[in-house]
Amino acid sequence: MVKGVARGATEVLAPWVWVVLLPFAVAAASGDGFWRTLLWGLVVAVTASVIPMAVIVRGARRGRWDGHHVTNREGRLVPLVTAGASLAAGTVVMVLGNAPATMLALAGSMFASLVVSMAITFGLKWKISLHAAVAWAAVATLTTVYGPWWLLLAAPAALVAWSRVELGDHTTAQVLGGTAMGVVVGGGSFWLLSSSW
């Protein structure tokens, strides 16, 4: 029963899910109109989540890494580089299309998170929890955009963090590290970029 809840949380609250939904929520706050909100939400969702996840699933099916959550640290290089390249292409589209500053700030915060996660994963050779990092970055970002009521999303973020430890995919330290990275790097860089632009 407990393992089933943990598996469900890991799947339903996976990084790609947060990253698909977050851009639409941030775009909606820009007041840029329905169609442009949809456009910029789609650009970030597709380039930051859908394309990288397609690469991950394809690689998992071919046995390049150990599943669609890429729990082996060494297997994370291609997915992270793909995510960075795809997001960079999306950012170019947004710059050329005069996207709202908040959307550029979101893409910038995601890129900063990718760089830091790569430094930790391959520089320090430590398997930080990207599930926790992405979930807590989303909580921090939405709280910055909409206010303190969005801290209620801390409950599902904590649930997914717990699930990673319960399933044995991460240690408590790796999940806490991911949580800190999500809040400080993801949320913090979004706050800095959106405040300065």
C-alpha atoms as a PDB file:
ATOM      1  CA  MET A   1       0.000   0.000   0.000  1.00  0.00           C
ATOM      2  CA  VAL A   2       2.699   2.492   1.054  1.00  0.00           C
ATOM      3  CA  LYS A   3       4.895   1.556  -1.923  1.00  0.00           C
ATOM      4  CA  GLY A   4       1.892   1.954  -4.212  1.00  0.00           C
ATOM      5  CA  VAL A   5       1.290   5.495  -2.942  1.00  0.00           C
ATOM      6  CA  ALA A   6       4.977   6.276  -3.387  1.00  0.00           C
ATOM      7  CA  ARG A   7       4.989   4.941  -6.959  1.00  0.00           C
ATOM      8  CA  GLY A   8       1.854   6.917  -7.770  1.00  0.00           C
ATOM      9  CA  ALA A   9       3.349  10.128  -6.365  1.00  0.00           C
ATOM     10  CA  THR A  10       6.592   9.590  -8.283  1.00  0.00           C
ATOM     11  CA  GLU A  11       4.689   9.223 -11.559  1.00  0.00           C
ATOM     12  CA  VAL A  12       1.924  11.828 -11.132  1.00  0.00           C
ATOM     13  CA  LEU A  13       4.297  14.426  -9.659  1.00  0.00           C
ATOM     14  CA  ALA A  14       7.272  13.665 -11.915  1.00  0.00           C
ATOM     15  CA  PRO A  15       9.433  16.589 -13.107  1.00  0.00           C
ATOM     16  CA  TRP A  16       7.974  16.561 -16.617  1.00  0.00           C
ATOM     17  CA  VAL A  17       4.448  17.035 -15.194  1.00  0.00           C
ATOM     18  CA  TRP A  18       5.431  20.093 -13.147  1.00  0.00           C
ATOM     19  CA  VAL A  19       7.359  21.529 -16.102  1.00  0.00           C
ATOM     20  CA  VAL A  20       4.429  21.029 -18.505  1.00  0.00           C
ATOM     21  CA  LEU A  21       1.968  22.832 -16.215  1.00  0.00           C
ATOM     22  CA  LEU A  22       4.167  25.571 -14.706  1.00  0.00           C
ATOM     23  CA  PRO A  23       4.685  27.642 -17.900  1.00  0.00           C
ATOM     24  CA  PHE A  24       0.939  28.045 -18.433  1.00  0.00           C
ATOM     25  CA  ALA A  25       0.467  29.218 -14.854  1.00  0.00           C
ATOM     26  CA  VAL A  26       3.295  31.752 -15.156  1.00  0.00           C
ATOM     27  CA  ALA A  27       2.135  32.910 -18.596  1.00  0.00           C
ATOM     28  CA  ALA A  28      -1.410  33.444 -17.298  1.00  0.00           C
ATOM     29  CA  ALA A  29      -0.102  35.982 -14.788  1.00  0.00           C
ATOM     30  CA  SER A  30       1.513  38.095 -17.507  1.00  0.00           C
ATOM     31  CA  GLY A  31      -1.811  39.594 -18.623  1.00  0.00           C
ATOM     32  CA  ASP A  32      -0.747  39.082 -22.224  1.00  0.00           C
ATOM     33  CA  GLY A  33      -4.102  37.774 -23.479  1.00  0.00           C
ATOM     34  CA  PHE A  34      -5.396  34.227 -23.914  1.00  0.00           C
ATOM     35  CA  TRP A  35      -3.707  33.321 -27.192  1.00  0.00           C
ATOM     36  CA  ARG A  36      -0.276  34.680 -26.253  1.00  0.00           C
ATOM     37  CA  THR A  37      -0.568  33.011 -22.848  1.00  0.00           C
ATOM     38  CA  LEU A  38      -1.275  29.739 -24.625  1.00  0.00           C
ATOM     39  CA  LEU A  39       1.556  30.336 -27.106  1.00  0.00           C
ATOM     40  CA  TRP A  40       4.270  31.096 -24.543  1.00  0.00           C
ATOM     41  CA  GLY A  41       3.053  28.357 -22.231  1.00  0.00           C
ATOM     42  CA  LEU A  42       3.305  25.885 -25.111  1.00  0.00           C
ATOM     43  CA  VAL A  43       6.771  27.056 -26.155  1.00  0.00           C
ATOM     44  CA  VAL A  44       8.216  26.494 -22.690  1.00  0.00           C
ATOM     45  CA  ALA A  45       6.226  23.334 -21.973  1.00  0.00           C
ATOM     46  CA  VAL A  46       7.290  21.709 -25.236  1.00  0.00           C
ATOM     47  CA  THR A  47      10.949  22.745 -25.174  1.00  0.00           C
ATOM     48  CA  ALA A  48      11.530  22.272 -21.434  1.00  0.00           C
ATOM     49  CA  SER A  49       9.449  19.140 -20.887  1.00  0.00           C
ATOM     50  CA  VAL A  50       7.887  17.367 -23.865  1.00  0.00           C
ATOM     51  CA  ILE A  51      11.004  17.164 -26.066  1.00  0.00           C
ATOM     52  CA  PRO A  52      13.385  16.124 -23.253  1.00  0.00           C
ATOM     53  CA  MET A  53      10.856  13.555 -21.990  1.00  0.00           C
ATOM     54  CA  ALA A  54      10.482  12.098 -25.481  1.00  0.00           C
ATOM     55  CA  VAL A  55      14.268  11.636 -25.612  1.00  0.00           C
ATOM     56  CA  ILE A  56      14.262  10.061 -22.144  1.00  0.00           C
ATOM     57  CA  VAL A  57      11.473   7.603 -22.946  1.00  0.00           C
ATOM     58  CA  ARG A  58      13.100   6.632 -26.247  1.00  0.00           C
ATOM     59  CA  GLY A  59      16.445   6.096 -24.538  1.00  0.00           C
ATOM     60  CA  ALA A  60      14.830   4.029 -21.785  1.00  0.00           C
ATOM     61  CA  ARG A  61      13.131   1.795 -24.369  1.00  0.00           C
ATOM     62  CA  ARG A  62      16.474   1.253 -26.078  1.00  0.00           C
ATOM     63  CA  GLY A  63      18.155   0.430 -22.769  1.00  0.00           C
ATOM     64  CA  ARG A  64      20.416   3.498 -22.723  1.00  0.00           C
ATOM     65  CA  TRP A  65      19.452   4.177 -19.110  1.00  0.00           C
ATOM     66  CA  ASP A  66      17.499   2.380 -16.430  1.00  0.00           C
ATOM     67  CA  GLY A  67      14.004   3.741 -17.014  1.00  0.00           C
ATOM     68  CA  HIS A  68      12.091   6.937 -17.672  1.00  0.00           C
ATOM     69  CA  HIS A  69      13.168   8.423 -14.316  1.00  0.00           C
ATOM     70  CA  VAL A  70      16.868   7.869 -15.164  1.00  0.00           C
ATOM     71  CA  THR A  71      17.742   6.818 -11.622  1.00  0.00           C
ATOM     72  CA  ASN A  72      21.321   5.912 -12.536  1.00  0.00           C
ATOM     73  CA  ARG A  73      23.418   9.073 -12.189  1.00  0.00           C
ATOM     74  CA  GLU A  74      25.668   8.279 -15.162  1.00  0.00           C
ATOM     75  CA  GLY A  75      22.688   8.060 -17.503  1.00  0.00           C
ATOM     76  CA  ARG A  76      21.641  11.649 -16.895  1.00  0.00           C
ATOM     77  CA  LEU A  77      24.098  13.364 -19.246  1.00  0.00           C
ATOM     78  CA  VAL A  78      22.141  13.034 -22.506  1.00  0.00           C
ATOM     79  CA  PRO A  79      18.746  13.937 -20.939  1.00  0.00           C
ATOM     80  CA  LEU A  80      20.167  17.032 -19.203  1.00  0.00           C
ATOM     81  CA  VAL A  81      22.090  18.236 -22.263  1.00  0.00           C
ATOM     82  CA  THR A  82      19.006  17.635 -24.437  1.00  0.00           C
ATOM     83  CA  ALA A  83      16.862  19.603 -21.992  1.00  0.00           C
ATOM     84  CA  GLY A  84      19.346  22.487 -22.033  1.00  0.00           C
ATOM     85  CA  ALA A  85      19.593  22.615 -25.834  1.00  0.00           C
ATOM     86  CA  SER A  86      15.832  22.354 -26.286  1.00  0.00           C
ATOM     87  CA  LEU A  87      15.151  25.048 -23.693  1.00  0.00           C
ATOM     88  CA  ALA A  88      17.762  27.314 -25.297  1.00  0.00           C
ATOM     89  CA  ALA A  89      15.940  26.970 -28.641  1.00  0.00           C
ATOM     90  CA  GLY A  90      12.658  27.797 -26.931  1.00  0.00           C
ATOM     91  CA  THR A  91      14.219  30.854 -25.322  1.00  0.00           C
ATOM     92  CA  VAL A  92      15.409  32.122 -28.710  1.00  0.00           C
ATOM     93  CA  VAL A  93      11.850  31.769 -30.022  1.00  0.00           C
ATOM     94  CA  MET A  94      10.552  33.748 -27.035  1.00  0.00           C
ATOM     95  CA  VAL A  95      13.125  36.518 -27.440  1.00  0.00           C
ATOM     96  CA  LEU A  96      12.335  36.848 -31.150  1.00  0.00           C
ATOM     97  CA  GLY A  97       8.599  36.795 -30.403  1.00  0.00           C
ATOM     98  CA  ASN A  98       8.844  39.433 -27.667  1.00  0.00           C
ATOM     99  CA  ALA A  99       7.568  37.132 -24.911  1.00  0.00           C
ATOM    100  CA  PRO A 100       6.767  38.595 -21.483  1.00  0.00           C
ATOM    101  CA  ALA A 101       9.695  39.072 -19.108  1.00  0.00           C
ATOM    102  CA  THR A 102       8.218  36.559 -16.670  1.00  0.00           C
ATOM    103  CA  MET A 103       8.416  33.815 -19.310  1.00  0.00           C
ATOM    104  CA  LEU A 104      12.029  34.663 -20.073  1.00  0.00           C
ATOM    105  CA  ALA A 105      12.704  34.653 -16.333  1.00  0.00           C
ATOM    106  CA  LEU A 106      11.102  31.205 -16.075  1.00  0.00           C
ATOM    107  CA  ALA A 107      13.244  29.847 -18.907  1.00  0.00           C
ATOM    108  CA  GLY A 108      16.313  31.450 -17.315  1.00  0.00           C
ATOM    109  CA  SER A 109      15.575  29.867 -13.946  1.00  0.00           C
ATOM    110  CA  MET A 110      15.107  26.463 -15.593  1.00  0.00           C
ATOM    111  CA  PHE A 111      18.389  26.838 -17.434  1.00  0.00           C
ATOM    112  CA  ALA A 112      20.178  27.840 -14.196  1.00  0.00           C
ATOM    113  CA  SER A 113      18.724  24.748 -12.520  1.00  0.00           C
ATOM    114  CA  LEU A 114      19.978  22.534 -15.358  1.00  0.00           C
ATOM    115  CA  VAL A 115      23.492  23.967 -15.105  1.00  0.00           C
ATOM    116  CA  VAL A 116      23.635  23.502 -11.338  1.00  0.00           C
ATOM    117  CA  SER A 117      22.185  19.996 -11.507  1.00  0.00           C
ATOM    118  CA  MET A 118      24.805  19.038 -14.115  1.00  0.00           C
ATOM    119  CA  ALA A 119      27.578  20.465 -11.949  1.00  0.00           C
ATOM    120  CA  ILE A 120      26.349  18.448  -8.963  1.00  0.00           C
ATOM    121  CA  THR A 121      25.641  15.276 -10.952  1.00  0.00           C
ATOM    122  CA  PHE A 122      28.883  15.125 -12.915  1.00  0.00           C
ATOM    123  CA  GLY A 123      31.233  17.517 -11.114  1.00  0.00           C
ATOM    124  CA  LEU A 124      30.500  16.331  -7.586  1.00  0.00           C
ATOM    125  CA  LYS A 125      29.334  12.885  -8.803  1.00  0.00           C
ATOM    126  CA  TRP A 126      26.303  13.071  -6.532  1.00  0.00           C
ATOM    127  CA  LYS A 127      22.789  11.958  -7.492  1.00  0.00           C
ATOM    128  CA  ILE A 128      20.680  14.931  -6.432  1.00  0.00           C
ATOM    129  CA  SER A 129      16.909  14.391  -6.588  1.00  0.00           C
ATOM    130  CA  LEU A 130      15.545  16.158  -9.644  1.00  0.00           C
ATOM    131  CA  HIS A 131      12.010  15.157  -8.633  1.00  0.00           C
ATOM    132  CA  ALA A 132      12.404  17.186  -5.435  1.00  0.00           C
ATOM    133  CA  ALA A 133      14.276  20.016  -7.158  1.00  0.00           C
ATOM    134  CA  VAL A 134      11.656  20.588  -9.851  1.00  0.00           C
ATOM    135  CA  ALA A 135       8.685  20.285  -7.478  1.00  0.00           C
ATOM    136  CA  TRP A 136      10.107  22.776  -4.964  1.00  0.00           C
ATOM    137  CA  ALA A 137      11.225  25.161  -7.719  1.00  0.00           C
ATOM    138  CA  ALA A 138       7.634  25.174  -8.970  1.00  0.00           C
ATOM    139  CA  VAL A 139       6.331  25.923  -5.467  1.00  0.00           C
ATOM    140  CA  ALA A 140       8.787  28.802  -5.039  1.00  0.00           C
ATOM    141  CA  THR A 141       8.065  30.175  -8.523  1.00  0.00           C
ATOM    142  CA  LEU A 142       4.282  30.083  -8.177  1.00  0.00           C
ATOM    143  CA  THR A 143       4.483  31.647  -4.732  1.00  0.00           C
ATOM    144  CA  THR A 144       6.577  34.470  -6.208  1.00  0.00           C
ATOM    145  CA  VAL A 145       4.057  34.989  -9.016  1.00  0.00           C
ATOM    146  CA  TYR A 146       0.758  34.577  -7.156  1.00  0.00           C
ATOM    147  CA  GLY A 147       1.448  34.973  -3.447  1.00  0.00           C
ATOM    148  CA  PRO A 148       1.647  32.883  -0.260  1.00  0.00           C
ATOM    149  CA  TRP A 149      -1.486  30.782  -0.833  1.00  0.00           C
ATOM    150  CA  TRP A 150       0.524  28.842  -3.399  1.00  0.00           C
ATOM    151  CA  LEU A 151       2.682  27.528  -0.568  1.00  0.00           C
ATOM    152  CA  LEU A 152      -0.096  24.945  -0.235  1.00  0.00           C
ATOM    153  CA  LEU A 153       1.661  23.193  -3.122  1.00  0.00           C
ATOM    154  CA  ALA A 154       4.327  22.330  -0.567  1.00  0.00           C
ATOM    155  CA  ALA A 155       2.161  19.313   0.319  1.00  0.00           C
ATOM    156  CA  PRO A 156       2.473  17.566  -3.087  1.00  0.00           C
ATOM    157  CA  ALA A 157       6.120  18.664  -3.329  1.00  0.00           C
ATOM    158  CA  ALA A 158       6.820  17.039   0.043  1.00  0.00           C
ATOM    159  CA  LEU A 159       4.883  13.950  -1.058  1.00  0.00           C
ATOM    160  CA  VAL A 160       7.012  13.446  -4.155  1.00  0.00           C
ATOM    161  CA  ALA A 161      10.191  14.034  -2.141  1.00  0.00           C
ATOM    162  CA  TRP A 162       9.079  11.383   0.365  1.00  0.00           C
ATOM    163  CA  SER A 163       8.232   8.985  -2.472  1.00  0.00           C
ATOM    164  CA  ARG A 164      11.763   9.088  -3.854  1.00  0.00           C
ATOM    165  CA  VAL A 165      13.208   7.979  -0.511  1.00  0.00           C
ATOM    166  CA  GLU A 166      10.446   5.424   0.083  1.00  0.00           C
ATOM    167  CA  LEU A 167      11.136   3.796  -3.293  1.00  0.00           C
ATOM    168  CA  GLY A 168      14.865   3.686  -2.587  1.00  0.00           C
ATOM    169  CA  ASP A 169      15.718   5.850  -5.590  1.00  0.00           C
ATOM    170  CA  HIS A 170      17.305   8.552  -3.409  1.00  0.00           C
ATOM    171  CA  THR A 171      18.644   9.050   0.077  1.00  0.00           C
ATOM    172  CA  THR A 172      17.144  11.622   2.425  1.00  0.00           C
ATOM    173  CA  ALA A 173      20.214  13.821   1.838  1.00  0.00           C
ATOM    174  CA  GLN A 174      19.749  13.696  -1.939  1.00  0.00           C
ATOM    175  CA  VAL A 175      16.104  14.705  -1.592  1.00  0.00           C
ATOM    176  CA  LEU A 176      16.939  17.533   0.824  1.00  0.00           C
ATOM    177  CA  GLY A 177      19.660  18.680  -1.558  1.00  0.00           C
ATOM    178  CA  GLY A 178      17.159  18.689  -4.402  1.00  0.00           C
ATOM    179  CA  THR A 179      14.686  20.622  -2.283  1.00  0.00           C
ATOM    180  CA  ALA A 180      17.298  23.261  -1.445  1.00  0.00           C
ATOM    181  CA  MET A 181      18.400  23.507  -5.065  1.00  0.00           C
ATOM    182  CA  GLY A 182      14.798  23.889  -6.231  1.00  0.00           C
ATOM    183  CA  VAL A 183      14.021  26.698  -3.810  1.00  0.00           C
ATOM    184  CA  VAL A 184      17.349  28.557  -4.031  1.00  0.00           C
ATOM    185  CA  VAL A 185      18.351  28.049  -7.660  1.00  0.00           C
ATOM    186  CA  GLY A 186      14.988  27.519  -9.375  1.00  0.00           C
ATOM    187  CA  GLY A 187      12.815  29.799  -7.280  1.00  0.00           C
ATOM    188  CA  GLY A 188      15.576  32.243  -6.369  1.00  0.00           C
ATOM    189  CA  SER A 189      16.780  32.802  -9.922  1.00  0.00           C
ATOM    190  CA  PHE A 190      13.197  33.242 -11.115  1.00  0.00           C
ATOM    191  CA  TRP A 191      12.633  35.885  -8.436  1.00  0.00           C
ATOM    192  CA  LEU A 192      15.895  37.695  -9.300  1.00  0.00           C
ATOM    193  CA  LEU A 193      15.300  37.631 -13.050  1.00  0.00           C
ATOM    194  CA  SER A 194      11.626  38.592 -12.897  1.00  0.00           C
ATOM    195  CA  SER A 195      12.411  41.430 -10.460  1.00  0.00           C
ATOM    196  CA  SER A 196      15.194  42.869 -12.572  1.00  0.00           C
ATOM    197  CA  TRP A 197      13.500  42.693 -16.015  1.00  0.00           C
END
